[in-house]
Amino acid sequence: MKGNILIVDDEQKLRTLLARIISLEGFEVTEAGDCKTAIKKLEQLEIDVIICDVKLPDGSGVDLAKQIKDKYPGTEIILLTAYGNISDGVQAIKNGAFDYITKGDDNNKIIPLIYNAINKVLLTKKVVRLEKLLGNKTSFESILGKSKIIKAAIASAEKVSVTDATVLLTGETGTGKEVFAQAIHYNSPRSKNNFIAINCSAFSKELLENELFGHKAGAFTGALKDTKGIFEEANNGTVFLDEIGEMAFDLQAKLLRVLENGEYLKVGDSKATKVNVRIIAATNRNLQKEIAAGNFREDLFYRIAVFQIALPALRERIIDIEELSNYFLNFFTQKTRNKAQVISAGYLSLLKQHLWNGNIRELKNVIERSVILSDADEISVNTLPVEFHNKKTPAGADKQLSAFDLASAEKIHIQKVINYTNGNKTETARLLNIALTTLYRKLDEYKIS
């Protein structure tokens, strides 16, 4: 069915006629003869659109519209009246009615109106689903882990999220700094406004300055029009500056001005631009050492480090590896439609012995690789990268590959990943975590086409 329609009218013949016309369009139709019955139907059924007479035995359809919209905001209401009344029409729209039409005109208008109302209902439902999905992804509950150290970091982030304080997230690469930054933003008073992230290490000084602050037309060759920077786009929202320790020293002075005065100069501009943004910064460097080495401004450090949160390395929270691994297993199993469902005891044991220099990001890549390679319901140690096999496997673990098997295993592994990516060499190299030139050399070596 295309949707559920409720017809509310005390005229039985009109209800029957409308119900027949509407049901022929593929809609599920329910009827009610008064306000009280209509409310009961709404409590029992999920109604998308209501077609309601203005004059009912026990009340006004205009008043009923407000009552329904207050309790069921996603339901749309089309009001029908025998005699058009401008004041009633205005009040009906104010009360949330989708439209207000005169009986007699409805023969040509009612079906198109229903379709328009249904489209609005579907759009509203989609927005609600997306907001719920976004909320799940950006809530603190979405940050996995039961270890005391990660719980302490989450608790600190929750406390600072409701303030407007600048936050500095520290920790090794791959510890989830951007995930924390998003959770802080989306649980803050700024959550309805933009969250924009930028990696300071991904740009040269000139490009980063342009990305952050924008430019005026004519500021440089090719600058044909005024362009907004990230700070202007994120006005009243949050800017996440990842790897802030990589920012050029003289560019740090412009950032300091934003923090102190809420203003900056666009490239090529002489007039300051005012903004109201919250800054969350992150780094895997020791900024105190960078200050001592003359690479980072001390005054900027004290402005961005109003509230510091240190994110733990994965090797410091081994107890969380199983939960994280199962989450990634479920994610990639659904993505690849692979049949792998569980992680073997030996596999999990080797995961817990690993140093995880790449932290959660490295774990995610390892699980993705294993899902691609797995041909069974259980992920075994045979799908782990070679470096995991250099460690002693605990008793009861899966049998390791011997040195004599490695060349053959590597060839099979590369072939499987090539098949998975449909021959995409760049994506294959990324999944294998090797350079593209290395991949081509191995393809030639193993005669893989």
Protein backbone atom coordinates (compact mmCIF):
# COMPACT_ATOMS: atom_id res chain seq x y z
CA MET A 1 0.00 0.00 0.00
CA LYS A 2 1.07 3.57 -0.69
CA GLY A 3 -0.09 4.95 2.67
CA ASN A 4 -2.83 4.96 5.27
CA ILE A 5 -5.68 7.47 4.87
CA LEU A 6 -8.34 8.32 7.48
CA ILE A 7 -11.59 9.94 6.26
CA VAL A 8 -13.47 11.82 8.99
CA ASP A 9 -16.99 12.92 7.98
CA ASP A 10 -20.46 12.39 9.43
CA GLU A 11 -21.99 11.91 5.94
CA GLN A 12 -21.86 8.15 5.32
CA LYS A 13 -22.43 8.41 1.56
CA LEU A 14 -19.59 10.93 1.12
CA ARG A 15 -17.23 8.80 3.22
CA THR A 16 -18.04 5.72 1.15
CA LEU A 17 -17.54 7.58 -2.14
CA LEU A 18 -14.22 9.10 -1.05
CA ALA A 19 -13.05 5.79 0.36
CA ARG A 20 -13.72 4.04 -2.96
CA ILE A 21 -11.97 6.73 -5.03
CA ILE A 22 -8.93 6.82 -2.75
CA SER A 23 -8.63 3.04 -2.35
CA LEU A 24 -8.55 2.66 -6.16
CA GLU A 25 -5.27 4.64 -6.02
CA GLY A 26 -3.76 1.92 -3.84
CA PHE A 27 -4.16 3.58 -0.45
CA GLU A 28 -5.42 1.83 2.69
CA VAL A 29 -8.55 3.71 3.81
CA THR A 30 -10.11 3.91 7.30
CA GLU A 31 -13.31 5.82 8.17
CA ALA A 32 -14.62 7.76 11.17
CA GLY A 33 -17.86 9.71 11.66
CA ASP A 34 -16.81 12.08 14.43
CA CYS A 35 -13.84 13.50 16.38
CA LYS A 36 -13.98 10.89 19.15
CA THR A 37 -13.84 7.97 16.69
CA ALA A 38 -11.06 9.66 14.72
CA ILE A 39 -8.90 9.96 17.86
CA LYS A 40 -9.47 6.26 18.63
CA LYS A 41 -8.42 5.30 15.08
CA LEU A 42 -5.23 7.34 15.45
CA GLU A 43 -4.43 5.52 18.69
CA GLN A 44 -4.92 2.14 17.03
CA LEU A 45 -3.40 2.71 13.56
CA GLU A 46 -0.47 4.53 11.98
CA ILE A 47 -2.27 7.12 9.84
CA ASP A 48 -0.36 9.16 7.23
CA VAL A 49 -3.04 11.55 5.94
CA ILE A 50 -6.44 12.60 7.35
CA ILE A 51 -9.25 14.00 5.20
CA CYS A 52 -11.55 15.73 7.64
CA ASP A 53 -14.81 17.69 7.43
CA VAL A 54 -14.75 21.05 9.21
CA LYS A 55 -18.19 20.56 10.86
CA LEU A 56 -18.52 17.35 12.86
CA PRO A 57 -21.21 16.24 15.35
CA ASP A 58 -18.91 16.53 18.36
CA GLY A 59 -16.55 19.34 17.39
CA SER A 60 -14.72 21.37 14.78
CA GLY A 61 -12.31 19.86 12.26
CA VAL A 62 -10.20 23.02 12.58
CA ASP A 63 -9.78 22.42 16.32
CA LEU A 64 -9.26 18.71 15.74
CA ALA A 65 -6.40 19.53 13.35
CA LYS A 66 -4.48 21.30 16.13
CA GLN A 67 -5.15 18.47 18.57
CA ILE A 68 -3.87 15.89 16.09
CA LYS A 69 -0.79 17.88 14.98
CA ASP A 70 0.21 18.42 18.62
CA LYS A 71 0.17 14.68 19.28
CA TYR A 72 1.01 13.30 15.81
CA PRO A 73 3.18 15.97 14.09
CA GLY A 74 4.08 13.62 11.24
CA THR A 75 0.46 13.16 10.15
CA GLU A 76 -0.91 15.56 7.51
CA ILE A 77 -4.53 16.85 7.55
CA ILE A 78 -6.65 18.03 4.61
CA LEU A 79 -9.79 19.87 5.75
CA LEU A 80 -13.03 19.89 3.74
CA THR A 81 -15.84 22.42 4.15
CA ALA A 82 -19.22 22.86 2.49
CA TYR A 83 -18.90 26.63 2.61
CA GLY A 84 -15.54 28.33 2.17
CA ASN A 85 -14.66 30.65 5.04
CA ILE A 86 -11.45 32.69 4.88
CA SER A 87 -11.05 33.02 8.65
CA ASP A 88 -11.55 29.26 9.10
CA GLY A 89 -9.06 28.58 6.32
CA VAL A 90 -6.43 30.83 7.89
CA GLN A 91 -6.94 29.24 11.31
CA ALA A 92 -6.80 25.75 9.80
CA ILE A 93 -3.37 26.44 8.28
CA LYS A 94 -2.20 27.98 11.57
CA ASN A 95 -3.33 24.82 13.35
CA GLY A 96 -1.11 22.75 11.06
CA ALA A 97 -3.50 21.61 8.34
CA PHE A 98 -1.84 20.65 5.07
CA ASP A 99 -4.64 22.30 3.04
CA TYR A 100 -8.20 23.59 3.28
CA ILE A 101 -10.57 23.08 0.35
CA THR A 102 -14.26 23.50 -0.41
CA LYS A 103 -16.42 20.47 -1.09
CA GLY A 104 -17.33 20.36 -4.75
CA ASP A 105 -13.79 21.32 -5.74
CA ASP A 106 -12.42 18.18 -4.11
CA ASN A 107 -13.20 15.82 -7.02
CA ASN A 108 -10.30 17.18 -9.05
CA LYS A 109 -8.12 18.30 -6.15
CA ILE A 110 -8.32 15.57 -3.56
CA ILE A 111 -6.16 12.87 -5.18
CA PRO A 112 -3.26 15.22 -6.14
CA LEU A 113 -3.48 16.74 -2.65
CA ILE A 114 -3.23 13.30 -1.04
CA TYR A 115 -0.14 12.48 -3.10
CA ASN A 116 1.47 15.79 -2.12
CA ALA A 117 0.64 15.18 1.53
CA ILE A 118 2.01 11.62 1.36
CA ASN A 119 5.25 12.92 -0.16
CA LYS A 120 5.60 15.33 2.77
CA VAL A 121 4.93 12.51 5.24
CA LEU A 122 7.57 10.30 3.59
CA LEU A 123 10.08 13.15 3.62
CA THR A 124 9.39 13.80 7.32
CA LYS A 125 9.86 10.10 8.11
CA LYS A 126 13.13 10.07 6.18
CA VAL A 127 14.41 13.12 8.07
CA VAL A 128 13.48 11.49 11.39
CA ARG A 129 15.31 8.29 10.40
CA LEU A 130 18.40 10.24 9.32
CA GLU A 131 18.38 12.32 12.51
CA LYS A 132 18.09 9.14 14.55
CA LEU A 133 20.93 7.55 12.57
CA LEU A 134 23.05 10.67 12.98
CA GLY A 135 22.25 10.76 16.67
CA ASN A 136 23.33 7.14 17.06
CA LYS A 137 26.58 7.73 15.22
CA THR A 138 27.44 10.91 17.07
CA SER A 139 26.29 10.10 20.59
CA PHE A 140 28.68 9.19 23.36
CA GLU A 141 26.90 5.83 23.58
CA SER A 142 28.30 5.02 20.13
CA ILE A 143 31.88 5.13 21.45
CA LEU A 144 32.62 1.48 22.19
CA GLY A 145 34.54 0.20 25.18
CA LYS A 146 34.09 -0.82 28.81
CA SER A 147 37.62 -0.15 30.06
CA LYS A 148 37.99 2.39 32.87
CA ILE A 149 40.36 4.52 30.80
CA ILE A 150 37.96 5.02 27.87
CA LYS A 151 35.01 5.52 30.22
CA ALA A 152 36.95 8.29 31.96
CA ALA A 153 37.65 10.00 28.60
CA ILE A 154 33.96 9.75 27.63
CA ALA A 155 32.86 11.19 30.98
CA SER A 156 35.19 14.19 30.52
CA ALA A 157 33.93 14.76 26.97
CA GLU A 158 30.30 14.62 28.12
CA LYS A 159 30.94 17.27 30.77
CA VAL A 160 32.68 19.70 28.41
CA SER A 161 30.23 19.15 25.54
CA VAL A 162 27.50 21.26 27.14
CA THR A 163 29.87 24.21 27.53
CA ASP A 164 31.45 26.41 24.87
CA ALA A 165 35.02 25.71 26.02
CA THR A 166 37.81 25.06 23.52
CA VAL A 167 38.91 21.42 23.68
CA LEU A 168 42.27 19.80 22.89
CA LEU A 169 42.16 16.06 22.15
CA THR A 170 45.52 14.31 22.44
CA GLY A 171 46.54 10.77 21.61
CA GLU A 172 48.18 8.58 19.03
CA THR A 173 47.01 8.31 15.44
CA GLY A 174 43.84 6.24 15.10
CA THR A 175 42.58 6.59 18.67
CA GLY A 176 39.27 8.16 17.60
CA LYS A 177 39.85 11.88 18.09
CA GLU A 178 37.43 12.91 15.34
CA VAL A 179 34.75 10.58 16.72
CA PHE A 180 35.10 12.31 20.08
CA ALA A 181 35.03 15.75 18.43
CA GLN A 182 31.78 14.91 16.63
CA ALA A 183 30.19 13.58 19.82
CA ILE A 184 31.15 16.76 21.69
CA HIS A 185 29.65 18.94 18.94
CA TYR A 186 26.42 17.00 18.46
CA ASN A 187 25.77 16.97 22.20
CA SER A 188 26.40 20.70 22.53
CA PRO A 189 24.12 23.75 22.14
CA ARG A 190 25.72 24.20 18.69
CA SER A 191 24.49 20.81 17.44
CA LYS A 192 22.01 22.27 14.93
CA ASN A 193 24.82 24.17 13.18
CA ASN A 194 27.75 23.00 11.06
CA PHE A 195 30.54 20.73 12.24
CA ILE A 196 33.46 21.06 9.83
CA ALA A 197 36.67 19.06 10.17
CA ILE A 198 40.00 19.75 8.50
CA ASN A 199 43.34 17.96 8.72
CA CYS A 200 46.01 20.63 9.08
CA SER A 201 48.74 18.27 7.86
CA ALA A 202 47.00 17.73 4.50
CA PHE A 203 47.67 21.26 3.17
CA SER A 204 50.57 23.59 2.56
CA LYS A 205 50.59 26.82 4.59
CA GLU A 206 49.05 28.86 1.74
CA LEU A 207 46.35 26.32 0.94
CA LEU A 208 45.47 25.82 4.61
CA GLU A 209 45.14 29.57 5.13
CA ASN A 210 42.78 29.77 2.15
CA GLU A 211 40.77 26.75 3.37
CA LEU A 212 40.37 28.18 6.86
CA PHE A 213 39.77 31.85 6.11
CA GLY A 214 38.73 32.10 2.45
CA HIS A 215 39.77 34.87 0.08
CA LYS A 216 38.63 38.02 -1.70
CA ALA A 217 38.25 38.22 -5.46
CA GLY A 218 41.59 39.17 -7.02
CA ALA A 219 43.64 38.07 -4.01
CA PHE A 220 45.71 35.83 -6.29
CA THR A 221 45.70 34.52 -9.84
CA GLY A 222 42.52 32.56 -10.41
CA ALA A 223 40.62 34.13 -7.49
CA LEU A 224 37.66 35.25 -9.57
CA LYS A 225 35.16 35.71 -6.75
CA ASP A 226 34.92 36.02 -2.98
CA THR A 227 35.16 32.61 -1.33
CA LYS A 228 34.14 31.61 2.17
CA GLY A 229 36.54 29.71 4.36
CA ILE A 230 35.76 26.97 6.86
CA PHE A 231 35.39 29.40 9.76
CA GLU A 232 32.72 31.36 7.90
CA GLU A 233 30.92 28.19 6.80
CA ALA A 234 30.93 26.94 10.40
CA ASN A 235 29.69 30.21 11.93
CA ASN A 236 27.75 29.41 15.14
CA GLY A 237 28.96 25.82 14.83
CA THR A 238 32.19 23.93 15.46
CA VAL A 239 35.52 23.69 13.64
CA PHE A 240 37.62 20.58 14.27
CA LEU A 241 41.33 21.20 13.60
CA ASP A 242 42.95 17.78 13.36
CA GLU A 243 46.74 17.55 13.62
CA ILE A 244 47.00 21.17 14.75
CA GLY A 245 50.64 20.57 15.63
CA GLU A 246 51.40 20.55 11.89
CA MET A 247 50.12 24.10 11.36
CA ALA A 248 52.71 26.63 10.13
CA PHE A 249 53.99 28.92 12.88
CA ASP A 250 52.93 32.23 11.31
CA LEU A 251 49.48 30.83 10.48
CA GLN A 252 49.03 30.03 14.17
CA ALA A 253 48.91 33.80 14.86
CA LYS A 254 45.78 34.15 12.67
CA LEU A 255 44.14 31.26 14.50
CA LEU A 256 44.99 32.91 17.83
CA ARG A 257 43.16 36.05 16.69
CA VAL A 258 40.04 33.98 15.98
CA LEU A 259 40.18 32.52 19.47
CA GLU A 260 40.79 35.86 21.17
CA ASN A 261 38.57 38.23 19.17
CA GLY A 262 36.35 36.03 17.00
CA GLU A 263 37.68 37.70 13.84
CA TYR A 264 40.19 37.20 11.04
CA LEU A 265 41.26 38.57 7.68
CA LYS A 266 40.45 36.71 4.50
CA VAL A 267 43.33 36.33 2.05
CA GLY A 268 43.56 39.64 0.17
CA ASP A 269 41.09 41.44 2.46
CA SER A 270 41.67 44.48 4.69
CA LYS A 271 38.37 44.26 6.56
CA ALA A 272 38.01 41.75 9.40
CA THR A 273 35.37 39.03 9.21
CA LYS A 274 33.56 38.26 12.48
CA VAL A 275 32.60 34.70 13.41
CA ASN A 276 31.31 32.79 16.40
CA VAL A 277 32.78 29.30 16.34
CA ARG A 278 33.83 26.69 18.83
CA ILE A 279 37.21 25.13 18.17
CA ILE A 280 38.09 21.54 18.96
CA ALA A 281 41.72 20.73 18.17
CA ALA A 282 43.57 17.43 18.09
CA THR A 283 47.18 16.34 17.86
CA ASN A 284 49.34 13.25 18.18
CA ARG A 285 52.36 15.42 19.00
CA ASN A 286 53.62 16.61 22.38
CA LEU A 287 52.86 20.31 21.99
CA GLN A 288 54.95 21.21 25.05
CA LYS A 289 58.00 19.82 23.27
CA GLU A 290 56.98 21.60 20.07
CA ILE A 291 56.84 24.87 22.04
CA ALA A 292 60.33 24.26 23.42
CA ALA A 293 61.58 23.54 19.90
CA GLY A 294 60.06 26.79 18.62
CA ASN A 295 57.49 25.07 16.39
CA PHE A 296 54.32 25.96 18.27
CA ARG A 297 53.14 29.18 19.89
CA GLU A 298 52.85 28.98 23.66
CA ASP A 299 50.03 31.55 23.76
CA LEU A 300 48.04 29.51 21.23
CA PHE A 301 48.60 26.34 23.24
CA TYR A 302 47.02 27.85 26.34
CA ARG A 303 44.03 29.05 24.30
CA ILE A 304 43.33 25.66 22.68
CA ALA A 305 44.14 23.63 25.79
CA VAL A 306 41.40 25.11 27.97
CA PHE A 307 40.11 21.56 28.42
CA GLN A 308 42.34 18.62 27.50
CA ILE A 309 41.22 15.04 26.96
CA ALA A 310 43.86 12.33 26.45
CA LEU A 311 42.57 9.42 24.37
CA PRO A 312 44.15 6.08 25.28
CA ALA A 313 46.05 3.87 22.87
CA LEU A 314 44.37 0.56 22.01
CA ARG A 315 47.15 -1.41 23.78
CA GLU A 316 46.12 0.42 26.98
CA ARG A 317 42.56 -0.88 26.68
CA ILE A 318 43.00 -4.52 25.63
CA ILE A 319 39.73 -5.40 27.34
CA ASP A 320 37.92 -3.44 24.58
CA ILE A 321 39.49 -5.27 21.62
CA GLU A 322 36.88 -8.04 21.52
CA GLU A 323 33.93 -5.60 21.47
CA LEU A 324 35.55 -3.41 18.80
CA SER A 325 36.47 -6.45 16.69
CA ASN A 326 32.94 -7.85 16.76
CA TYR A 327 31.54 -4.45 15.81
CA PHE A 328 33.84 -4.21 12.77
CA LEU A 329 33.16 -7.87 11.90
CA ASN A 330 29.42 -7.20 11.79
CA PHE A 331 29.93 -4.00 9.78
CA PHE A 332 32.13 -5.56 7.09
CA THR A 333 30.15 -8.81 6.95
CA GLN A 334 27.06 -6.81 6.01
CA LYS A 335 29.01 -4.62 3.61
CA THR A 336 30.64 -7.51 1.74
CA ARG A 337 27.80 -10.05 2.21
CA ASN A 338 30.47 -12.45 3.50
CA LYS A 339 29.37 -15.39 5.62
CA ALA A 340 31.93 -14.84 8.41
CA GLN A 341 30.00 -14.57 11.68
CA VAL A 342 32.39 -15.16 14.57
CA ILE A 343 36.03 -14.63 15.51
CA SER A 344 38.06 -17.67 16.54
CA ALA A 345 39.69 -17.82 19.98
CA GLY A 346 43.16 -17.98 18.42
CA TYR A 347 42.49 -14.96 16.23
CA LEU A 348 41.27 -12.91 19.19
CA SER A 349 44.28 -14.00 21.26
CA LEU A 350 46.69 -12.72 18.60
CA LEU A 351 44.77 -9.44 18.37
CA LYS A 352 45.27 -8.91 22.09
CA GLN A 353 49.03 -9.53 21.79
CA HIS A 354 49.53 -6.98 19.01
CA LEU A 355 51.03 -3.51 19.73
CA TRP A 356 48.48 -1.63 17.58
CA ASN A 357 50.59 1.35 16.62
CA GLY A 358 47.73 2.37 14.31
CA ASN A 359 45.21 1.81 17.11
CA ILE A 360 41.49 1.49 16.27
CA ARG A 361 42.02 2.47 12.64
CA GLU A 362 44.57 -0.36 12.26
CA LEU A 363 42.21 -2.84 13.96
CA LYS A 364 39.42 -1.82 11.58
CA ASN A 365 41.67 -2.45 8.55
CA VAL A 366 42.78 -5.84 9.91
CA ILE A 367 39.18 -6.98 10.43
CA GLU A 368 38.18 -5.75 6.96
CA ARG A 369 41.07 -7.72 5.44
CA SER A 370 40.09 -10.88 7.34
CA VAL A 371 36.44 -10.64 6.28
CA ILE A 372 37.51 -10.36 2.64
CA LEU A 373 39.77 -13.40 2.93
CA SER A 374 37.50 -15.58 5.03
CA ASP A 375 35.71 -18.48 3.33
CA ALA A 376 34.21 -19.89 6.53
CA ASP A 377 31.74 -18.89 9.22
CA GLU A 378 34.63 -18.32 11.62
CA ILE A 379 37.52 -15.91 11.08
CA SER A 380 40.79 -17.74 11.71
CA VAL A 381 44.40 -16.66 12.22
CA ASN A 382 45.17 -17.63 8.63
CA THR A 383 43.54 -14.37 7.51
CA LEU A 384 45.81 -12.16 9.65
CA PRO A 385 48.74 -10.21 8.12
CA VAL A 386 52.18 -11.84 8.22
CA GLU A 387 53.44 -9.75 11.14
CA PHE A 388 50.87 -11.36 13.44
CA HIS A 389 52.37 -14.79 12.75
CA ASN A 390 55.77 -13.82 14.08
CA LYS A 391 54.37 -14.16 17.59
CA LYS A 392 53.90 -17.42 19.42
CA THR A 393 50.33 -18.63 19.19
CA PRO A 394 48.79 -19.65 22.53
CA ALA A 395 47.71 -23.23 23.12
CA GLY A 396 44.44 -24.04 21.43
CA ALA A 397 44.86 -21.32 18.79
CA ASP A 398 44.41 -21.93 15.10
CA LYS A 399 47.33 -23.50 13.29
CA GLN A 400 49.76 -20.88 11.95
CA LEU A 401 51.11 -20.74 8.46
CA SER A 402 54.64 -22.07 8.18
CA ALA A 403 57.38 -20.06 6.46
CA PHE A 404 57.15 -22.41 3.46
CA ASP A 405 53.49 -21.47 2.98
CA LEU A 406 53.86 -17.69 3.09
CA ALA A 407 54.64 -17.04 -0.58
CA SER A 408 51.70 -19.19 -1.65
CA ALA A 409 49.45 -17.56 0.97
CA GLU A 410 50.47 -14.09 -0.18
CA LYS A 411 49.61 -14.90 -3.78
CA ILE A 412 46.19 -16.27 -2.77
CA HIS A 413 45.61 -13.29 -0.52
CA ILE A 414 46.43 -10.74 -3.25
CA GLN A 415 44.24 -12.59 -5.74
CA LYS A 416 41.30 -12.55 -3.32
CA VAL A 417 41.64 -8.83 -2.68
CA ILE A 418 41.95 -8.15 -6.43
CA ASN A 419 38.72 -10.10 -6.95
CA TYR A 420 37.03 -8.22 -4.10
CA THR A 421 37.88 -4.82 -5.63
CA ASN A 422 36.93 -5.97 -9.14
CA GLY A 423 40.47 -5.34 -10.34
CA ASN A 424 40.84 -1.85 -8.84
CA LYS A 425 44.61 -1.70 -8.20
CA THR A 426 44.53 1.51 -6.14
CA GLU A 427 41.86 0.15 -3.78
CA THR A 428 43.68 -3.20 -3.61
CA ALA A 429 46.92 -1.49 -2.56
CA ARG A 430 45.01 0.47 0.11
CA LEU A 431 43.44 -2.65 1.58
CA LEU A 432 46.78 -4.48 1.53
CA ASN A 433 48.43 -1.43 3.13
CA ILE A 434 51.23 -1.40 0.54
CA ALA A 435 52.41 1.09 -2.08
CA LEU A 436 50.84 0.84 -5.53
CA THR A 437 54.30 0.20 -7.04
CA THR A 438 54.78 -2.70 -4.62
CA LEU A 439 51.45 -4.16 -5.68
CA TYR A 440 52.39 -4.03 -9.37
CA ARG A 441 55.70 -5.71 -8.60
CA LYS A 442 53.95 -8.53 -6.75
CA LEU A 443 51.33 -8.91 -9.48
CA ASP A 444 54.16 -9.38 -11.94
CA GLU A 445 56.03 -11.73 -9.60
CA TYR A 446 53.03 -13.97 -9.01
CA LYS A 447 51.74 -13.66 -12.60
CA ILE A 448 48.40 -12.28 -11.40
CA SER A 449 46.46 -10.44 -14.07
